[in-house]
Amino acid sequence: MTPITYARHRFPPDVIRHAVWVYLRLTLSYREVEELLAERGLDVSSETARR
């Protein structure tokens, strides 16, 4: 299995992994993920979370 590459992404791998974990584990909408990340000081749009 090839490792996941995060090349050309704006955010560090840890932030991406956390957003995906929150979305899948807590079954939240993209907007709710956006709000949770905003509380942590990250300016991420719901469209970015969707991608």
PDB file of N, CA and C in Angstrom:
ATOM      1  N   MET A   1       0.847  -1.179   0.000  1.00  0.00           N
ATOM      2  CA  MET A   1       0.000   0.000   0.000  1.00  0.00           C
ATOM      3  C   MET A   1       0.891   1.241   0.000  1.00  0.00           C
ATOM      4  N   THR A   2       0.581   2.187  -0.865  1.00  0.00           N
ATOM      5  CA  THR A   2       1.384   3.399  -0.940  1.00  0.00           C
ATOM      6  C   THR A   2       0.984   4.361   0.172  1.00  0.00           C
ATOM      7  N   PRO A   3       1.947   5.070   0.742  1.00  0.00           N
ATOM      8  CA  PRO A   3       1.633   6.005   1.821  1.00  0.00           C
ATOM      9  C   PRO A   3       0.847   7.209   1.281  1.00  0.00           C
ATOM     10  N   ILE A   4       0.053   7.796   2.154  1.00  0.00           N
ATOM     11  CA  ILE A   4      -0.727   8.978   1.786  1.00  0.00           C
ATOM     12  C   ILE A   4       0.210  10.169   1.691  1.00  0.00           C
ATOM     13  N   THR A   5       0.086  10.920   0.605  1.00  0.00           N
ATOM     14  CA  THR A   5       0.899  12.116   0.446  1.00  0.00           C
ATOM     15  C   THR A   5       0.029  13.355   0.655  1.00  0.00           C
ATOM     16  N   TYR A   6       0.573  14.335   1.311  1.00  0.00           N
ATOM     17  CA  TYR A   6      -0.152  15.573   1.577  1.00  0.00           C
ATOM     18  C   TYR A   6       0.449  16.726   0.782  1.00  0.00           C
ATOM     19  N   ALA A   7       1.104  16.401  -0.319  1.00  0.00           N
ATOM     20  CA  ALA A   7       1.701  17.434  -1.159  1.00  0.00           C
ATOM     21  C   ALA A   7       0.605  18.323  -1.728  1.00  0.00           C
ATOM     22  N   ARG A   8       0.891  19.587  -1.859  1.00  0.00           N
ATOM     23  CA  ARG A   8      -0.022  20.596  -2.406  1.00  0.00           C
ATOM     24  C   ARG A   8      -1.228  20.882  -1.523  1.00  0.00           C
ATOM     25  N   HIS A   9      -1.180  20.513  -0.270  1.00  0.00           N
ATOM     26  CA  HIS A   9      -2.260  20.847   0.658  1.00  0.00           C
ATOM     27  C   HIS A   9      -1.851  22.045   1.486  1.00  0.00           C
ATOM     28  N   ARG A  10      -2.820  22.869   1.822  1.00  0.00           N
ATOM     29  CA  ARG A  10      -2.548  24.099   2.567  1.00  0.00           C
ATOM     30  C   ARG A  10      -2.267  23.838   4.042  1.00  0.00           C
ATOM     31  N   PHE A  11      -2.932  22.835   4.601  1.00  0.00           N
ATOM     32  CA  PHE A  11      -2.830  22.571   6.025  1.00  0.00           C
ATOM     33  C   PHE A  11      -1.919  21.385   6.302  1.00  0.00           C
ATOM     34  N   PRO A  12      -1.307  21.341   7.482  1.00  0.00           N
ATOM     35  CA  PRO A  12      -0.439  20.212   7.844  1.00  0.00           C
ATOM     36  C   PRO A  12      -1.240  18.909   7.944  1.00  0.00           C
ATOM     37  N   PRO A  13      -0.574  17.783   7.776  1.00  0.00           N
ATOM     38  CA  PRO A  13      -1.249  16.482   7.837  1.00  0.00           C
ATOM     39  C   PRO A  13      -2.046  16.258   9.119  1.00  0.00           C
ATOM     40  N   ASP A  14      -1.554  16.743  10.243  1.00  0.00           N
ATOM     41  CA  ASP A  14      -2.271  16.548  11.513  1.00  0.00           C
ATOM     42  C   ASP A  14      -3.648  17.220  11.501  1.00  0.00           C
ATOM     43  N   VAL A  15      -3.728  18.402  10.929  1.00  0.00           N
ATOM     44  CA  VAL A  15      -5.003  19.118  10.856  1.00  0.00           C
ATOM     45  C   VAL A  15      -5.958  18.380   9.922  1.00  0.00           C
ATOM     46  N   ILE A  16      -5.458  17.911   8.798  1.00  0.00           N
ATOM     47  CA  ILE A  16      -6.288  17.178   7.843  1.00  0.00           C
ATOM     48  C   ILE A  16      -6.816  15.900   8.480  1.00  0.00           C
ATOM     49  N   ARG A  17      -5.943  15.164   9.137  1.00  0.00           N
ATOM     50  CA  ARG A  17      -6.362  13.919   9.784  1.00  0.00           C
ATOM     51  C   ARG A  17      -7.410  14.179  10.868  1.00  0.00           C
ATOM     52  N   HIS A  18      -7.218  15.239  11.635  1.00  0.00           N
ATOM     53  CA  HIS A  18      -8.171  15.562  12.702  1.00  0.00           C
ATOM     54  C   HIS A  18      -9.539  15.921  12.115  1.00  0.00           C
ATOM     55  N   ALA A  19      -9.558  16.720  11.049  1.00  0.00           N
ATOM     56  CA  ALA A  19     -10.824  17.102  10.420  1.00  0.00           C
ATOM     57  C   ALA A  19     -11.556  15.881   9.883  1.00  0.00           C
ATOM     58  N   VAL A  20     -10.836  14.975   9.260  1.00  0.00           N
ATOM     59  CA  VAL A  20     -11.453  13.749   8.734  1.00  0.00           C
ATOM     60  C   VAL A  20     -11.963  12.889   9.882  1.00  0.00           C
ATOM     61  N   TRP A  21     -11.186  12.778  10.942  1.00  0.00           N
ATOM     62  CA  TRP A  21     -11.596  11.971  12.099  1.00  0.00           C
ATOM     63  C   TRP A  21     -12.879  12.526  12.714  1.00  0.00           C
ATOM     64  N   VAL A  22     -12.917  13.845  12.906  1.00  0.00           N
ATOM     65  CA  VAL A  22     -14.097  14.480  13.498  1.00  0.00           C
ATOM     66  C   VAL A  22     -15.316  14.251  12.604  1.00  0.00           C
ATOM     67  N   TYR A  23     -15.135  14.429  11.301  1.00  0.00           N
ATOM     68  CA  TYR A  23     -16.255  14.278  10.369  1.00  0.00           C
ATOM     69  C   TYR A  23     -16.805  12.848  10.393  1.00  0.00           C
ATOM     70  N   LEU A  24     -15.930  11.871  10.389  1.00  0.00           N
ATOM     71  CA  LEU A  24     -16.376  10.478  10.341  1.00  0.00           C
ATOM     72  C   LEU A  24     -16.817   9.945  11.703  1.00  0.00           C
ATOM     73  N   ARG A  25     -16.069  10.240  12.724  1.00  0.00           N
ATOM     74  CA  ARG A  25     -16.338   9.676  14.047  1.00  0.00           C
ATOM     75  C   ARG A  25     -17.591  10.273  14.694  1.00  0.00           C
ATOM     76  N   LEU A  26     -17.763  11.569  14.550  1.00  0.00           N
ATOM     77  CA  LEU A  26     -18.879  12.237  15.214  1.00  0.00           C
ATOM     78  C   LEU A  26     -20.057  12.479  14.274  1.00  0.00           C
ATOM     79  N   THR A  27     -19.947  12.024  13.039  1.00  0.00           N
ATOM     80  CA  THR A  27     -20.971  12.199  12.001  1.00  0.00           C
ATOM     81  C   THR A  27     -21.514  13.629  11.979  1.00  0.00           C
ATOM     82  N   LEU A  28     -20.604  14.564  11.789  1.00  0.00           N
ATOM     83  CA  LEU A  28     -20.964  15.978  11.712  1.00  0.00           C
ATOM     84  C   LEU A  28     -21.038  16.412  10.257  1.00  0.00           C
ATOM     85  N   SER A  29     -21.677  17.539  10.035  1.00  0.00           N
ATOM     86  CA  SER A  29     -21.695  18.117   8.696  1.00  0.00           C
ATOM     87  C   SER A  29     -20.383  18.859   8.468  1.00  0.00           C
ATOM     88  N   TYR A  30     -20.140  19.229   7.213  1.00  0.00           N
ATOM     89  CA  TYR A  30     -18.920  19.984   6.899  1.00  0.00           C
ATOM     90  C   TYR A  30     -18.922  21.332   7.603  1.00  0.00           C
ATOM     91  N   ARG A  31     -20.072  21.932   7.719  1.00  0.00           N
ATOM     92  CA  ARG A  31     -20.145  23.220   8.408  1.00  0.00           C
ATOM     93  C   ARG A  31     -19.836  23.085   9.902  1.00  0.00           C
ATOM     94  N   GLU A  32     -20.284  22.003  10.497  1.00  0.00           N
ATOM     95  CA  GLU A  32     -19.980  21.769  11.910  1.00  0.00           C
ATOM     96  C   GLU A  32     -18.488  21.500  12.114  1.00  0.00           C
ATOM     97  N   VAL A  33     -17.877  20.795  11.171  1.00  0.00           N
ATOM     98  CA  VAL A  33     -16.426  20.589  11.236  1.00  0.00           C
ATOM     99  C   VAL A  33     -15.718  21.930  11.106  1.00  0.00           C
ATOM    100  N   GLU A  34     -16.202  22.770  10.204  1.00  0.00           N
ATOM    101  CA  GLU A  34     -15.637  24.114  10.037  1.00  0.00           C
ATOM    102  C   GLU A  34     -15.701  24.896  11.348  1.00  0.00           C
ATOM    103  N   GLU A  35     -16.835  24.831  12.036  1.00  0.00           N
ATOM    104  CA  GLU A  35     -17.001  25.547  13.302  1.00  0.00           C
ATOM    105  C   GLU A  35     -16.082  25.007  14.393  1.00  0.00           C
ATOM    106  N   LEU A  36     -15.934  23.684  14.463  1.00  0.00           N
ATOM    107  CA  LEU A  36     -15.039  23.101  15.467  1.00  0.00           C
ATOM    108  C   LEU A  36     -13.587  23.507  15.229  1.00  0.00           C
ATOM    109  N   LEU A  37     -13.166  23.509  13.969  1.00  0.00           N
ATOM    110  CA  LEU A  37     -11.797  23.928  13.667  1.00  0.00           C
ATOM    111  C   LEU A  37     -11.613  25.422  13.917  1.00  0.00           C
ATOM    112  N   ALA A  38     -12.654  26.203  13.684  1.00  0.00           N
ATOM    113  CA  ALA A  38     -12.570  27.647  13.952  1.00  0.00           C
ATOM    114  C   ALA A  38     -12.373  27.911  15.439  1.00  0.00           C
ATOM    115  N   GLU A  39     -12.994  27.082  16.276  1.00  0.00           N
ATOM    116  CA  GLU A  39     -12.801  27.230  17.720  1.00  0.00           C
ATOM    117  C   GLU A  39     -11.358  26.966  18.124  1.00  0.00           C
ATOM    118  N   ARG A  40     -10.675  26.171  17.329  1.00  0.00           N
ATOM    119  CA  ARG A  40      -9.257  25.886  17.588  1.00  0.00           C
ATOM    120  C   ARG A  40      -8.334  26.892  16.904  1.00  0.00           C
ATOM    121  N   GLY A  41      -8.925  27.899  16.238  1.00  0.00           N
ATOM    122  CA  GLY A  41      -8.118  28.944  15.617  1.00  0.00           C
ATOM    123  C   GLY A  41      -7.724  28.673  14.177  1.00  0.00           C
ATOM    124  N   LEU A  42      -8.383  27.735  13.520  1.00  0.00           N
ATOM    125  CA  LEU A  42      -8.067  27.408  12.130  1.00  0.00           C
ATOM    126  C   LEU A  42      -9.178  27.918  11.223  1.00  0.00           C
ATOM    127  N   ASP A  43      -8.798  28.711  10.232  1.00  0.00           N
ATOM    128  CA  ASP A  43      -9.757  29.277   9.300  1.00  0.00           C
ATOM    129  C   ASP A  43      -9.901  28.327   8.121  1.00  0.00           C
ATOM    130  N   VAL A  44     -10.838  27.401   8.235  1.00  0.00           N
ATOM    131  CA  VAL A  44     -11.084  26.384   7.214  1.00  0.00           C
ATOM    132  C   VAL A  44     -12.532  26.516   6.767  1.00  0.00           C
ATOM    133  N   SER A  45     -12.742  26.660   5.458  1.00  0.00           N
ATOM    134  CA  SER A  45     -14.127  26.738   4.977  1.00  0.00           C
ATOM    135  C   SER A  45     -14.737  25.349   4.885  1.00  0.00           C
ATOM    136  N   SER A  46     -16.044  25.293   4.848  1.00  0.00           N
ATOM    137  CA  SER A  46     -16.706  23.998   4.725  1.00  0.00           C
ATOM    138  C   SER A  46     -16.374  23.348   3.388  1.00  0.00           C
ATOM    139  N   GLU A  47     -16.124  24.157   2.377  1.00  0.00           N
ATOM    140  CA  GLU A  47     -15.743  23.607   1.062  1.00  0.00           C
ATOM    141  C   GLU A  47     -14.360  22.961   1.126  1.00  0.00           C
ATOM    142  N   THR A  48     -13.460  23.546   1.875  1.00  0.00           N
ATOM    143  CA  THR A  48     -12.141  22.932   2.058  1.00  0.00           C
ATOM    144  C   THR A  48     -12.257  21.630   2.805  1.00  0.00           C
ATOM    145  N   ALA A  49     -13.102  21.588   3.792  1.00  0.00           N
ATOM    146  CA  ALA A  49     -13.309  20.334   4.543  1.00  0.00           C
ATOM    147  C   ALA A  49     -13.913  19.263   3.658  1.00  0.00           C
ATOM    148  N   ARG A  50     -14.779  19.668   2.748  1.00  0.00           N
ATOM    149  CA  ARG A  50     -15.398  18.701   1.842  1.00  0.00           C
ATOM    150  C   ARG A  50     -14.360  18.067   0.912  1.00  0.00           C
ATOM    151  N   ARG A  51     -13.419  18.859   0.444  1.00  0.00           N
ATOM    152  CA  ARG A  51     -12.387  18.317  -0.457  1.00  0.00           C
ATOM    153  C   ARG A  51     -11.473  17.382   0.295  1.00  0.00           C
TER     154      ARG A  51
END
